[in-house]
Structures are given as C-alpha cells and as structure tokens.
Amino acid sequence: MFDHIGLKVKNLDASVRFYQAALKDLGHVLVSQGEDYAGFGPPDQPGLWLYASAEAPAGTTHVAFSAADHKQVDGFHAAGLKAGGSDNGKPGLRTDYSPTYYGAFLIDPDGNNVEAVCIT
C-alpha cells in the first residue's frame, strides 16, 4: 500500500544513528543522506525518510517494520536500545493482536513508537 513514509526529526544525526542500528538486522541500510534528510531501506528502494525539522512534533507516529523471523525482531530491539532508543515493549508474542504476532517496540529519539513484527 505505501511507497514510503516520512518523519520529521529534531536531531537528524541522533535519528540516523538510531535507525542505522535498529534497522540493520531487518536488512535496511542508510541509502541516501543530505544535510537535512536521510533515507533508509533496501539498497535501491528507500522507504523511510527522515527530515530535519526544528518544529518536529514529539511522539506522534507509530511505524511497524516487517521482520522475517523472531531473531530479526530481537536484533532490532537490542540494537535500538544500544543506539539510544527506549523500550516500549520487549520482544515477544502479542496473542491479543493475533496468535502468531511476535513484535518488539522502541521509542526513537523523537518519541515515535517504532516496532519490528514477524507474523508467522
């Protein structure tokens, strides 16, 4: 359904460090970067764009990234914590969502709720 998502961030450098770490195990990399933007995704198809903005609203967005397996979800969560994210839900089954919903949640440097999820 979506081609890409854009998030306004107050500190582009901190956000780039966070997303580089958190998205690595999911196979996403920093694809493009300029003075006031950065794009992440598969090497030739960025799907997450970060835009520097002094007026970025705090914590208004929830973005969920697909993971191939539980190991990727676990890696996303561990790496994101080390890169400055805050825990918003440890990796685990969320059977209230669906019987096989395995997810982990982090709060990014701007207060957004980011998730990795594997549904198998």
PDB file of N, CA and C in Angstrom:
ATOM      1  N   MET A   1       0.801  -1.186   0.000  1.00  0.00           N
ATOM      2  CA  MET A   1       0.000   0.000   0.000  1.00  0.00           C
ATOM      3  C   MET A   1       0.853   1.262   0.000  1.00  0.00           C
ATOM      4  N   PHE A   2       1.878   1.341   0.859  1.00  0.00           N
ATOM      5  CA  PHE A   2       2.693   2.543   0.940  1.00  0.00           C
ATOM      6  C   PHE A   2       3.964   2.393   0.115  1.00  0.00           C
ATOM      7  N   ASP A   3       4.394   3.507  -0.461  1.00  0.00           N
ATOM      8  CA  ASP A   3       5.673   3.544  -1.157  1.00  0.00           C
ATOM      9  C   ASP A   3       6.775   3.987  -0.201  1.00  0.00           C
ATOM     10  N   HIS A   4       6.461   4.972   0.639  1.00  0.00           N
ATOM     11  CA  HIS A   4       7.434   5.449   1.618  1.00  0.00           C
ATOM     12  C   HIS A   4       6.725   6.212   2.733  1.00  0.00           C
ATOM     13  N   ILE A   5       7.463   6.428   3.821  1.00  0.00           N
ATOM     14  CA  ILE A   5       6.972   7.174   4.979  1.00  0.00           C
ATOM     15  C   ILE A   5       8.016   8.228   5.309  1.00  0.00           C
ATOM     16  N   GLY A   6       7.577   9.427   5.659  1.00  0.00           N
ATOM     17  CA  GLY A   6       8.482  10.497   6.065  1.00  0.00           C
ATOM     18  C   GLY A   6       8.221  10.916   7.498  1.00  0.00           C
ATOM     19  N   LEU A   7       9.288  11.039   8.279  1.00  0.00           N
ATOM     20  CA  LEU A   7       9.191  11.501   9.662  1.00  0.00           C
ATOM     21  C   LEU A   7      10.018  12.768   9.833  1.00  0.00           C
ATOM     22  N   LYS A   8       9.449  13.762  10.495  1.00  0.00           N
ATOM     23  CA  LYS A   8      10.215  14.944  10.870  1.00  0.00           C
ATOM     24  C   LYS A   8      10.938  14.633  12.176  1.00  0.00           C
ATOM     25  N   VAL A   9      12.222  14.980  12.240  1.00  0.00           N
ATOM     26  CA  VAL A   9      13.031  14.713  13.432  1.00  0.00           C
ATOM     27  C   VAL A   9      13.773  15.983  13.850  1.00  0.00           C
ATOM     28  N   LYS A  10      13.955  16.149  15.135  1.00  0.00           N
ATOM     29  CA  LYS A  10      14.652  17.339  15.638  1.00  0.00           C
ATOM     30  C   LYS A  10      16.158  17.223  15.504  1.00  0.00           C
ATOM     31  N   ASN A  11      16.697  16.028  15.725  1.00  0.00           N
ATOM     32  CA  ASN A  11      18.146  15.819  15.665  1.00  0.00           C
ATOM     33  C   ASN A  11      18.421  14.723  14.640  1.00  0.00           C
ATOM     34  N   LEU A  12      18.740  15.130  13.428  1.00  0.00           N
ATOM     35  CA  LEU A  12      18.936  14.174  12.344  1.00  0.00           C
ATOM     36  C   LEU A  12      20.072  13.201  12.652  1.00  0.00           C
ATOM     37  N   ASP A  13      21.179  13.687  13.190  1.00  0.00           N
ATOM     38  CA  ASP A  13      22.314  12.799  13.481  1.00  0.00           C
ATOM     39  C   ASP A  13      21.929  11.703  14.474  1.00  0.00           C
ATOM     40  N   ALA A  14      21.239  12.066  15.549  1.00  0.00           N
ATOM     41  CA  ALA A  14      20.819  11.073  16.545  1.00  0.00           C
ATOM     42  C   ALA A  14      19.844  10.076  15.932  1.00  0.00           C
ATOM     43  N   SER A  15      18.938  10.565  15.097  1.00  0.00           N
ATOM     44  CA  SER A  15      17.963   9.676  14.466  1.00  0.00           C
ATOM     45  C   SER A  15      18.627   8.740  13.465  1.00  0.00           C
ATOM     46  N   VAL A  16      19.594   9.237  12.713  1.00  0.00           N
ATOM     47  CA  VAL A  16      20.313   8.384  11.759  1.00  0.00           C
ATOM     48  C   VAL A  16      21.048   7.278  12.515  1.00  0.00           C
ATOM     49  N   ARG A  17      21.728   7.622  13.597  1.00  0.00           N
ATOM     50  CA  ARG A  17      22.424   6.598  14.396  1.00  0.00           C
ATOM     51  C   ARG A  17      21.443   5.546  14.914  1.00  0.00           C
ATOM     52  N   PHE A  18      20.308   5.989  15.429  1.00  0.00           N
ATOM     53  CA  PHE A  18      19.303   5.071  15.959  1.00  0.00           C
ATOM     54  C   PHE A  18      18.779   4.142  14.866  1.00  0.00           C
ATOM     55  N   TYR A  19      18.340   4.697  13.741  1.00  0.00           N
ATOM     56  CA  TYR A  19      17.744   3.866  12.691  1.00  0.00           C
ATOM     57  C   TYR A  19      18.774   2.983  11.990  1.00  0.00           C
ATOM     58  N   GLN A  20      20.018   3.451  11.850  1.00  0.00           N
ATOM     59  CA  GLN A  20      21.052   2.577  11.284  1.00  0.00           C
ATOM     60  C   GLN A  20      21.200   1.324  12.132  1.00  0.00           C
ATOM     61  N   ALA A  21      21.235   1.489  13.435  1.00  0.00           N
ATOM     62  CA  ALA A  21      21.397   0.342  14.333  1.00  0.00           C
ATOM     63  C   ALA A  21      20.139  -0.519  14.370  1.00  0.00           C
ATOM     64  N   ALA A  22      18.989   0.106  14.586  1.00  0.00           N
ATOM     65  CA  ALA A  22      17.746  -0.644  14.773  1.00  0.00           C
ATOM     66  C   ALA A  22      17.327  -1.403  13.519  1.00  0.00           C
ATOM     67  N   LEU A  23      17.560  -0.835  12.348  1.00  0.00           N
ATOM     68  CA  LEU A  23      17.082  -1.455  11.106  1.00  0.00           C
ATOM     69  C   LEU A  23      18.073  -2.422  10.473  1.00  0.00           C
ATOM     70  N   LYS A  24      19.293  -2.470  10.983  1.00  0.00           N
ATOM     71  CA  LYS A  24      20.333  -3.314  10.376  1.00  0.00           C
ATOM     72  C   LYS A  24      19.914  -4.777  10.285  1.00  0.00           C
ATOM     73  N   ASP A  25      19.438  -5.363  11.387  1.00  0.00           N
ATOM     74  CA  ASP A  25      19.048  -6.776  11.373  1.00  0.00           C
ATOM     75  C   ASP A  25      17.833  -7.043  10.490  1.00  0.00           C
ATOM     76  N   LEU A  26      17.088  -5.993  10.158  1.00  0.00           N
ATOM     77  CA  LEU A  26      15.935  -6.143   9.267  1.00  0.00           C
ATOM     78  C   LEU A  26      16.340  -6.025   7.801  1.00  0.00           C
ATOM     79  N   GLY A  27      17.623  -5.769   7.546  1.00  0.00           N
ATOM     80  CA  GLY A  27      18.128  -5.687   6.182  1.00  0.00           C
ATOM     81  C   GLY A  27      18.023  -4.312   5.553  1.00  0.00           C
ATOM     82  N   HIS A  28      17.739  -3.293   6.364  1.00  0.00           N
ATOM     83  CA  HIS A  28      17.621  -1.932   5.837  1.00  0.00           C
ATOM     84  C   HIS A  28      18.887  -1.150   6.162  1.00  0.00           C
ATOM     85  N   VAL A  29      19.298  -0.329   5.216  1.00  0.00           N
ATOM     86  CA  VAL A  29      20.526   0.448   5.367  1.00  0.00           C
ATOM     87  C   VAL A  29      20.258   1.911   5.036  1.00  0.00           C
ATOM     88  N   LEU A  30      21.200   2.766   5.401  1.00  0.00           N
ATOM     89  CA  LEU A  30      21.147   4.169   5.015  1.00  0.00           C
ATOM     90  C   LEU A  30      21.438   4.236   3.521  1.00  0.00           C
ATOM     91  N   VAL A  31      20.455   4.632   2.742  1.00  0.00           N
ATOM     92  CA  VAL A  31      20.561   4.622   1.283  1.00  0.00           C
ATOM     93  C   VAL A  31      20.967   5.989   0.746  1.00  0.00           C
ATOM     94  N   SER A  32      20.457   7.037   1.375  1.00  0.00           N
ATOM     95  CA  SER A  32      20.677   8.386   0.878  1.00  0.00           C
ATOM     96  C   SER A  32      20.704   9.347   2.059  1.00  0.00           C
ATOM     97  N   GLN A  33      21.611  10.334   1.999  1.00  0.00           N
ATOM     98  CA  GLN A  33      21.669  11.310   3.080  1.00  0.00           C
ATOM     99  C   GLN A  33      22.144  12.642   2.548  1.00  0.00           C
ATOM    100  N   GLY A  34      21.504  13.698   3.017  1.00  0.00           N
ATOM    101  CA  GLY A  34      21.902  15.060   2.716  1.00  0.00           C
ATOM    102  C   GLY A  34      21.970  15.849   4.010  1.00  0.00           C
ATOM    103  N   GLU A  35      22.142  17.141   3.894  1.00  0.00           N
ATOM    104  CA  GLU A  35      22.274  17.990   5.076  1.00  0.00           C
ATOM    105  C   GLU A  35      21.043  17.930   5.981  1.00  0.00           C
ATOM    106  N   ASP A  36      19.856  17.805   5.387  1.00  0.00           N
ATOM    107  CA  ASP A  36      18.637  17.843   6.197  1.00  0.00           C
ATOM    108  C   ASP A  36      17.699  16.661   5.960  1.00  0.00           C
ATOM    109  N   TYR A  37      18.225  15.554   5.439  1.00  0.00           N
ATOM    110  CA  TYR A  37      17.391  14.371   5.217  1.00  0.00           C
ATOM    111  C   TYR A  37      18.240  13.105   5.232  1.00  0.00           C
ATOM    112  N   ALA A  38      17.566  11.979   5.406  1.00  0.00           N
ATOM    113  CA  ALA A  38      18.209  10.664   5.299  1.00  0.00           C
ATOM    114  C   ALA A  38      17.139   9.660   4.896  1.00  0.00           C
ATOM    115  N   GLY A  39      17.519   8.710   4.043  1.00  0.00           N
ATOM    116  CA  GLY A  39      16.590   7.682   3.589  1.00  0.00           C
ATOM    117  C   GLY A  39      17.113   6.288   3.887  1.00  0.00           C
ATOM    118  N   PHE A  40      16.241   5.414   4.390  1.00  0.00           N
ATOM    119  CA  PHE A  40      16.590   4.035   4.749  1.00  0.00           C
ATOM    120  C   PHE A  40      15.726   3.052   3.987  1.00  0.00           C
ATOM    121  N   GLY A  41      16.296   1.883   3.723  1.00  0.00           N
ATOM    122  CA  GLY A  41      15.539   0.805   3.101  1.00  0.00           C
ATOM    123  C   GLY A  41      16.486  -0.184   2.466  1.00  0.00           C
ATOM    124  N   PRO A  42      15.935  -1.026   1.585  1.00  0.00           N
ATOM    125  CA  PRO A  42      16.815  -1.858   0.773  1.00  0.00           C
ATOM    126  C   PRO A  42      17.708  -0.934  -0.059  1.00  0.00           C
ATOM    127  N   PRO A  43      18.879  -1.402  -0.485  1.00  0.00           N
ATOM    128  CA  PRO A  43      19.851  -0.523  -1.138  1.00  0.00           C
ATOM    129  C   PRO A  43      19.327   0.389  -2.251  1.00  0.00           C
ATOM    130  N   ASP A  44      18.375  -0.043  -3.033  1.00  0.00           N
ATOM    131  CA  ASP A  44      17.907   0.811  -4.130  1.00  0.00           C
ATOM    132  C   ASP A  44      16.449   1.237  -3.967  1.00  0.00           C
ATOM    133  N   GLN A  45      15.908   1.132  -2.749  1.00  0.00           N
ATOM    134  CA  GLN A  45      14.495   1.442  -2.568  1.00  0.00           C
ATOM    135  C   GLN A  45      14.220   1.992  -1.162  1.00  0.00           C
ATOM    136  N   PRO A  46      14.662   3.217  -0.874  1.00  0.00           N
ATOM    137  CA  PRO A  46      14.396   3.757   0.455  1.00  0.00           C
ATOM    138  C   PRO A  46      12.896   3.912   0.700  1.00  0.00           C
ATOM    139  N   GLY A  47      12.457   3.467   1.872  1.00  0.00           N
ATOM    140  CA  GLY A  47      11.045   3.552   2.213  1.00  0.00           C
ATOM    141  C   GLY A  47      10.775   4.394   3.446  1.00  0.00           C
ATOM    142  N   LEU A  48      11.833   4.687   4.219  1.00  0.00           N
ATOM    143  CA  LEU A  48      11.705   5.542   5.393  1.00  0.00           C
ATOM    144  C   LEU A  48      12.593   6.755   5.189  1.00  0.00           C
ATOM    145  N   TRP A  49      11.982   7.929   5.217  1.00  0.00           N
ATOM    146  CA  TRP A  49      12.721   9.177   5.056  1.00  0.00           C
ATOM    147  C   TRP A  49      12.638   9.979   6.345  1.00  0.00           C
ATOM    148  N   LEU A  50      13.773  10.491   6.787  1.00  0.00           N
ATOM    149  CA  LEU A  50      13.851  11.364   7.952  1.00  0.00           C
ATOM    150  C   LEU A  50      14.182  12.765   7.469  1.00  0.00           C
ATOM    151  N   TYR A  51      13.446  13.754   7.973  1.00  0.00           N
ATOM    152  CA  TYR A  51      13.640  15.146   7.572  1.00  0.00           C
ATOM    153  C   TYR A  51      13.905  15.991   8.815  1.00  0.00           C
ATOM    154  N   ALA A  52      15.030  16.701   8.831  1.00  0.00           N
ATOM    155  CA  ALA A  52      15.356  17.569   9.957  1.00  0.00           C
ATOM    156  C   ALA A  52      14.352  18.709  10.031  1.00  0.00           C
ATOM    157  N   SER A  53      13.811  18.935  11.229  1.00  0.00           N
ATOM    158  CA  SER A  53      12.837  20.000  11.427  1.00  0.00           C
ATOM    159  C   SER A  53      12.864  20.437  12.884  1.00  0.00           C
ATOM    160  N   ALA A  54      13.148  21.709  13.111  1.00  0.00           N
ATOM    161  CA  ALA A  54      13.167  22.229  14.479  1.00  0.00           C
ATOM    162  C   ALA A  54      11.789  22.146  15.121  1.00  0.00           C
ATOM    163  N   GLU A  55      10.741  22.102  14.304  1.00  0.00           N
ATOM    164  CA  GLU A  55       9.370  22.050  14.811  1.00  0.00           C
ATOM    165  C   GLU A  55       8.790  20.640  14.762  1.00  0.00           C
ATOM    166  N   ALA A  56       9.634  19.632  14.764  1.00  0.00           N
ATOM    167  CA  ALA A  56       9.136  18.253  14.691  1.00  0.00           C
ATOM    168  C   ALA A  56       8.236  17.967  15.888  1.00  0.00           C
ATOM    169  N   PRO A  57       7.019  17.476  15.626  1.00  0.00           N
ATOM    170  CA  PRO A  57       6.147  17.127  16.754  1.00  0.00           C
ATOM    171  C   PRO A  57       6.700  15.903  17.478  1.00  0.00           C
ATOM    172  N   ALA A  58       6.598  15.891  18.777  1.00  0.00           N
ATOM    173  CA  ALA A  58       7.154  14.786  19.563  1.00  0.00           C
ATOM    174  C   ALA A  58       6.178  13.626  19.653  1.00  0.00           C
ATOM    175  N   GLY A  59       6.680  12.446  19.312  1.00  0.00           N
ATOM    176  CA  GLY A  59       5.961  11.212  19.563  1.00  0.00           C
ATOM    177  C   GLY A  59       4.585  11.069  18.969  1.00  0.00           C
ATOM    178  N   THR A  60       4.405  11.459  17.735  1.00  0.00           N
ATOM    179  CA  THR A  60       3.073  11.398  17.138  1.00  0.00           C
ATOM    180  C   THR A  60       2.881  10.238  16.176  1.00  0.00           C
ATOM    181  N   THR A  61       3.902   9.424  15.956  1.00  0.00           N
ATOM    182  CA  THR A  61       3.836   8.417  14.901  1.00  0.00           C
ATOM    183  C   THR A  61       4.153   7.023  15.420  1.00  0.00           C
ATOM    184  N   HIS A  62       3.485   6.038  14.828  1.00  0.00           N
ATOM    185  CA  HIS A  62       3.797   4.627  15.067  1.00  0.00           C
ATOM    186  C   HIS A  62       4.101   4.007  13.713  1.00  0.00           C
ATOM    187  N   VAL A  63       5.284   3.433  13.584  1.00  0.00           N
ATOM    188  CA  VAL A  63       5.701   2.769  12.351  1.00  0.00           C
ATOM    189  C   VAL A  63       6.127   1.357  12.702  1.00  0.00           C
ATOM    190  N   ALA A  64       5.621   0.372  11.957  1.00  0.00           N
ATOM    191  CA  ALA A  64       5.990  -1.032  12.176  1.00  0.00           C
ATOM    192  C   ALA A  64       6.748  -1.545  10.960  1.00  0.00           C
ATOM    193  N   PHE A  65       7.896  -2.171  11.210  1.00  0.00           N
ATOM    194  CA  PHE A  65       8.731  -2.736  10.160  1.00  0.00           C
ATOM    195  C   PHE A  65       8.563  -4.249  10.149  1.00  0.00           C
ATOM    196  N   SER A  66       8.429  -4.828   8.966  1.00  0.00           N
ATOM    197  CA  SER A  66       8.302  -6.281   8.829  1.00  0.00           C
ATOM    198  C   SER A  66       9.630  -6.961   9.107  1.00  0.00           C
ATOM    199  N   ALA A  67       9.562  -8.069   9.809  1.00  0.00           N
ATOM    200  CA  ALA A  67      10.741  -8.893  10.077  1.00  0.00           C
ATOM    201  C   ALA A  67      10.479 -10.293   9.540  1.00  0.00           C
ATOM    202  N   ALA A  68      11.532 -10.950   9.092  1.00  0.00           N
ATOM    203  CA  ALA A  68      11.400 -12.294   8.525  1.00  0.00           C
ATOM    204  C   ALA A  68      11.247 -13.359   9.604  1.00  0.00           C
ATOM    205  N   ASP A  69      11.807 -13.087  10.788  1.00  0.00           N
ATOM    206  CA  ASP A  69      11.760 -14.094  11.851  1.00  0.00           C
ATOM    207  C   ASP A  69      11.934 -13.420  13.213  1.00  0.00           C
ATOM    208  N   HIS A  70      11.800 -14.215  14.259  1.00  0.00           N
ATOM    209  CA  HIS A  70      11.911 -13.692  15.623  1.00  0.00           C
ATOM    210  C   HIS A  70      13.303 -13.138  15.904  1.00  0.00           C
ATOM    211  N   LYS A  71      14.322 -13.748  15.331  1.00  0.00           N
ATOM    212  CA  LYS A  71      15.697 -13.288  15.545  1.00  0.00           C
ATOM    213  C   LYS A  71      15.870 -11.847  15.064  1.00  0.00           C
ATOM    214  N   GLN A  72      15.271 -11.506  13.931  1.00  0.00           N
ATOM    215  CA  GLN A  72      15.360 -10.133  13.435  1.00  0.00           C
ATOM    216  C   GLN A  72      14.657  -9.161  14.379  1.00  0.00           C
ATOM    217  N   VAL A  73      13.518  -9.559  14.909  1.00  0.00           N
ATOM    218  CA  VAL A  73      12.799  -8.712  15.869  1.00  0.00           C
ATOM    219  C   VAL A  73      13.666  -8.486  17.107  1.00  0.00           C
ATOM    220  N   ASP A  74      14.257  -9.556  17.615  1.00  0.00           N
ATOM    221  CA  ASP A  74      15.125  -9.457  18.790  1.00  0.00           C
ATOM    222  C   ASP A  74      16.316  -8.538  18.517  1.00  0.00           C
ATOM    223  N   GLY A  75      16.930  -8.680  17.335  1.00  0.00           N
ATOM    224  CA  GLY A  75      18.073  -7.849  16.967  1.00  0.00           C
ATOM    225  C   GLY A  75      17.707  -6.385  16.846  1.00  0.00           C
ATOM    226  N   PHE A  76      16.553  -6.103  16.246  1.00  0.00           N
ATOM    227  CA  PHE A  76      16.037  -4.735  16.134  1.00  0.00           C
ATOM    228  C   PHE A  76      15.950  -4.096  17.520  1.00  0.00           C
ATOM    229  N   HIS A  77      15.355  -4.806  18.447  1.00  0.00           N
ATOM    230  CA  HIS A  77      15.133  -4.270  19.790  1.00  0.00           C
ATOM    231  C   HIS A  77      16.456  -4.041  20.520  1.00  0.00           C
ATOM    232  N   ALA A  78      17.334  -5.019  20.506  1.00  0.00           N
ATOM    233  CA  ALA A  78      18.621  -4.899  21.202  1.00  0.00           C
ATOM    234  C   ALA A  78      19.470  -3.771  20.622  1.00  0.00           C
ATOM    235  N   ALA A  79      19.564  -3.708  19.302  1.00  0.00           N
ATOM    236  CA  ALA A  79      20.383  -2.677  18.659  1.00  0.00           C
ATOM    237  C   ALA A  79      19.789  -1.292  18.869  1.00  0.00           C
ATOM    238  N   GLY A  80      18.474  -1.191  18.802  1.00  0.00           N
ATOM    239  CA  GLY A  80      17.818   0.097  19.016  1.00  0.00           C
ATOM    240  C   GLY A  80      18.033   0.630  20.425  1.00  0.00           C
ATOM    241  N   LEU A  81      18.005  -0.248  21.416  1.00  0.00           N
ATOM    242  CA  LEU A  81      18.279   0.172  22.796  1.00  0.00           C
ATOM    243  C   LEU A  81      19.707   0.685  22.933  1.00  0.00           C
ATOM    244  N   LYS A  82      20.662  -0.027  22.341  1.00  0.00           N
ATOM    245  CA  LYS A  82      22.069   0.384  22.414  1.00  0.00           C
ATOM    246  C   LYS A  82      22.307   1.712  21.708  1.00  0.00           C
ATOM    247  N   ALA A  83      21.470   2.031  20.713  1.00  0.00           N
ATOM    248  CA  ALA A  83      21.647   3.251  19.928  1.00  0.00           C
ATOM    249  C   ALA A  83      20.824   4.421  20.469  1.00  0.00           C
ATOM    250  N   GLY A  84      20.294   4.287  21.674  1.00  0.00           N
ATOM    251  CA  GLY A  84      19.612   5.418  22.292  1.00  0.00           C
ATOM    252  C   GLY A  84      18.103   5.343  22.335  1.00  0.00           C
ATOM    253  N   GLY A  85      17.522   4.274  21.817  1.00  0.00           N
ATOM    254  CA  GLY A  85      16.074   4.113  21.904  1.00  0.00           C
ATOM    255  C   GLY A  85      15.659   3.680  23.300  1.00  0.00           C
ATOM    256  N   SER A  86      14.387   3.846  23.596  1.00  0.00           N
ATOM    257  CA  SER A  86      13.833   3.414  24.880  1.00  0.00           C
ATOM    258  C   SER A  86      12.886   2.250  24.655  1.00  0.00           C
ATOM    259  N   ASP A  87      12.877   1.324  25.595  1.00  0.00           N
ATOM    260  CA  ASP A  87      11.994   0.166  25.496  1.00  0.00           C
ATOM    261  C   ASP A  87      10.535   0.598  25.605  1.00  0.00           C
ATOM    262  N   ASN A  88       9.716   0.087  24.697  1.00  0.00           N
ATOM    263  CA  ASN A  88       8.278   0.326  24.747  1.00  0.00           C
ATOM    264  C   ASN A  88       7.524  -0.993  24.597  1.00  0.00           C
ATOM    265  N   GLY A  89       8.224  -2.097  24.807  1.00  0.00           N
ATOM    266  CA  GLY A  89       7.639  -3.431  24.700  1.00  0.00           C
ATOM    267  C   GLY A  89       8.692  -4.419  24.255  1.00  0.00           C
ATOM    268  N   LYS A  90       9.139  -5.250  25.170  1.00  0.00           N
ATOM    269  CA  LYS A  90      10.190  -6.225  24.865  1.00  0.00           C
ATOM    270  C   LYS A  90       9.722  -7.212  23.800  1.00  0.00           C
ATOM    271  N   PRO A  91      10.660  -7.853  23.084  1.00  0.00           N
ATOM    272  CA  PRO A  91      10.282  -8.845  22.076  1.00  0.00           C
ATOM    273  C   PRO A  91       9.441  -9.960  22.696  1.00  0.00           C
ATOM    274  N   GLY A  92       8.394 -10.322  21.997  1.00  0.00           N
ATOM    275  CA  GLY A  92       7.557 -11.417  22.475  1.00  0.00           C
ATOM    276  C   GLY A  92       6.280 -11.553  21.679  1.00  0.00           C
ATOM    277  N   LEU A  93       5.571 -12.630  21.948  1.00  0.00           N
ATOM    278  CA  LEU A  93       4.278 -12.863  21.311  1.00  0.00           C
ATOM    279  C   LEU A  93       3.264 -11.858  21.839  1.00  0.00           C
ATOM    280  N   ARG A  94       2.429 -11.383  20.952  1.00  0.00           N
ATOM    281  CA  ARG A  94       1.322 -10.487  21.304  1.00  0.00           C
ATOM    282  C   ARG A  94       0.041 -11.177  20.838  1.00  0.00           C
ATOM    283  N   THR A  95      -0.375 -12.197  21.586  1.00  0.00           N
ATOM    284  CA  THR A  95      -1.512 -13.017  21.150  1.00  0.00           C
ATOM    285  C   THR A  95      -2.826 -12.250  21.156  1.00  0.00           C
ATOM    286  N   ASP A  96      -2.866 -11.099  21.834  1.00  0.00           N
ATOM    287  CA  ASP A  96      -4.064 -10.275  21.755  1.00  0.00           C
ATOM    288  C   ASP A  96      -4.185  -9.609  20.385  1.00  0.00           C
ATOM    289  N   TYR A  97      -3.070  -9.516  19.627  1.00  0.00           N
ATOM    290  CA  TYR A  97      -3.103  -8.999  18.255  1.00  0.00           C
ATOM    291  C   TYR A  97      -3.459 -10.122  17.289  1.00  0.00           C
ATOM    292  N   SER A  98      -2.739 -11.230  17.393  1.00  0.00           N
ATOM    293  CA  SER A  98      -3.022 -12.454  16.632  1.00  0.00           C
ATOM    294  C   SER A  98      -2.193 -13.574  17.264  1.00  0.00           C
ATOM    295  N   PRO A  99      -2.539 -14.832  17.034  1.00  0.00           N
ATOM    296  CA  PRO A  99      -1.842 -15.940  17.693  1.00  0.00           C
ATOM    297  C   PRO A  99      -0.346 -16.024  17.393  1.00  0.00           C
ATOM    298  N   THR A 100       0.089 -15.495  16.243  1.00  0.00           N
ATOM    299  CA  THR A 100       1.498 -15.624  15.856  1.00  0.00           C
ATOM    300  C   THR A 100       2.210 -14.274  15.734  1.00  0.00           C
ATOM    301  N   TYR A 101       1.660 -13.226  16.319  1.00  0.00           N
ATOM    302  CA  TYR A 101       2.223 -11.881  16.231  1.00  0.00           C
ATOM    303  C   TYR A 101       3.383 -11.759  17.213  1.00  0.00           C
ATOM    304  N   TYR A 102       4.610 -11.687  16.696  1.00  0.00           N
ATOM    305  CA  TYR A 102       5.813 -11.545  17.516  1.00  0.00           C
ATOM    306  C   TYR A 102       6.394 -10.168  17.226  1.00  0.00           C
ATOM    307  N   GLY A 103       6.397  -9.300  18.210  1.00  0.00           N
ATOM    308  CA  GLY A 103       6.847  -7.941  17.973  1.00  0.00           C
ATOM    309  C   GLY A 103       7.675  -7.388  19.112  1.00  0.00           C
ATOM    310  N   ALA A 104       8.321  -6.266  18.828  1.00  0.00           N
ATOM    311  CA  ALA A 104       9.078  -5.507  19.821  1.00  0.00           C
ATOM    312  C   ALA A 104       8.907  -4.032  19.500  1.00  0.00           C
ATOM    313  N   PHE A 105       8.857  -3.214  20.543  1.00  0.00           N
ATOM    314  CA  PHE A 105       8.582  -1.795  20.386  1.00  0.00           C
ATOM    315  C   PHE A 105       9.678  -0.956  21.023  1.00  0.00           C
ATOM    316  N   LEU A 106      10.023   0.135  20.353  1.00  0.00           N
ATOM    317  CA  LEU A 106      11.002   1.101  20.850  1.00  0.00           C
ATOM    318  C   LEU A 106      10.454   2.512  20.682  1.00  0.00           C
ATOM    319  N   ILE A 107      10.915   3.409  21.513  1.00  0.00           N
ATOM    320  CA  ILE A 107      10.667   4.834  21.321  1.00  0.00           C
ATOM    321  C   ILE A 107      11.952   5.419  20.744  1.00  0.00           C
ATOM    322  N   ASP A 108      11.836   6.064  19.576  1.00  0.00           N
ATOM    323  CA  ASP A 108      13.016   6.628  18.913  1.00  0.00           C
ATOM    324  C   ASP A 108      13.413   7.951  19.576  1.00  0.00           C
ATOM    325  N   PRO A 109      14.518   8.579  19.133  1.00  0.00           N
ATOM    326  CA  PRO A 109      14.972   9.812  19.780  1.00  0.00           C
ATOM    327  C   PRO A 109      13.958  10.957  19.772  1.00  0.00           C
ATOM    328  N   ASP A 110      12.951  10.894  18.892  1.00  0.00           N
ATOM    329  CA  ASP A 110      11.933  11.941  18.846  1.00  0.00           C
ATOM    330  C   ASP A 110      10.620  11.529  19.487  1.00  0.00           C
ATOM    331  N   GLY A 111      10.603  10.379  20.142  1.00  0.00           N
ATOM    332  CA  GLY A 111       9.398   9.949  20.833  1.00  0.00           C
ATOM    333  C   GLY A 111       8.429   9.134  20.009  1.00  0.00           C
ATOM    334  N   ASN A 112       8.805   8.789  18.777  1.00  0.00           N
ATOM    335  CA  ASN A 112       7.938   7.963  17.943  1.00  0.00           C
ATOM    336  C   ASN A 112       8.004   6.505  18.384  1.00  0.00           C
ATOM    337  N   ASN A 113       6.896   5.813  18.264  1.00  0.00           N
ATOM    338  CA  ASN A 113       6.802   4.398  18.609  1.00  0.00           C
ATOM    339  C   ASN A 113       7.142   3.586  17.359  1.00  0.00           C
ATOM    340  N   VAL A 114       8.287   2.917  17.363  1.00  0.00           N
ATOM    341  CA  VAL A 114       8.695   2.100  16.220  1.00  0.00           C
ATOM    342  C   VAL A 114       8.723   0.642  16.644  1.00  0.00           C
ATOM    343  N   GLU A 115       8.367  -0.209  15.711  1.00  0.00           N
ATOM    344  CA  GLU A 115       8.150  -1.624  16.011  1.00  0.00           C
ATOM    345  C   GLU A 115       8.758  -2.485  14.922  1.00  0.00           C
ATOM    346  N   ALA A 116       9.194  -3.661  15.310  1.00  0.00           N
ATOM    347  CA  ALA A 116       9.512  -4.718  14.344  1.00  0.00           C
ATOM    348  C   ALA A 116       8.560  -5.857  14.653  1.00  0.00           C
ATOM    349  N   VAL A 117       7.995  -6.455  13.600  1.00  0.00           N
ATOM    350  CA  VAL A 117       6.996  -7.502  13.794  1.00  0.00           C
ATOM    351  C   VAL A 117       7.200  -8.630  12.798  1.00  0.00           C
ATOM    352  N   CYS A 118       7.036  -9.843  13.300  1.00  0.00           N
ATOM    353  CA  CYS A 118       7.050 -11.048  12.476  1.00  0.00           C
ATOM    354  C   CYS A 118       5.750 -11.786  12.761  1.00  0.00           C
ATOM    355  N   ILE A 119       4.982 -12.062  11.726  1.00  0.00           N
ATOM    356  CA  ILE A 119       3.743 -12.818  11.870  1.00  0.00           C
ATOM    357  C   ILE A 119       3.906 -14.088  11.051  1.00  0.00           C
ATOM    358  N   THR A 120       4.084 -15.213  11.741  1.00  0.00           N
ATOM    359  CA  THR A 120       4.293 -16.479  11.030  1.00  0.00           C
ATOM    360  C   THR A 120       3.250 -17.494  11.415  1.00  0.00           C
TER     361      THR A 120
END
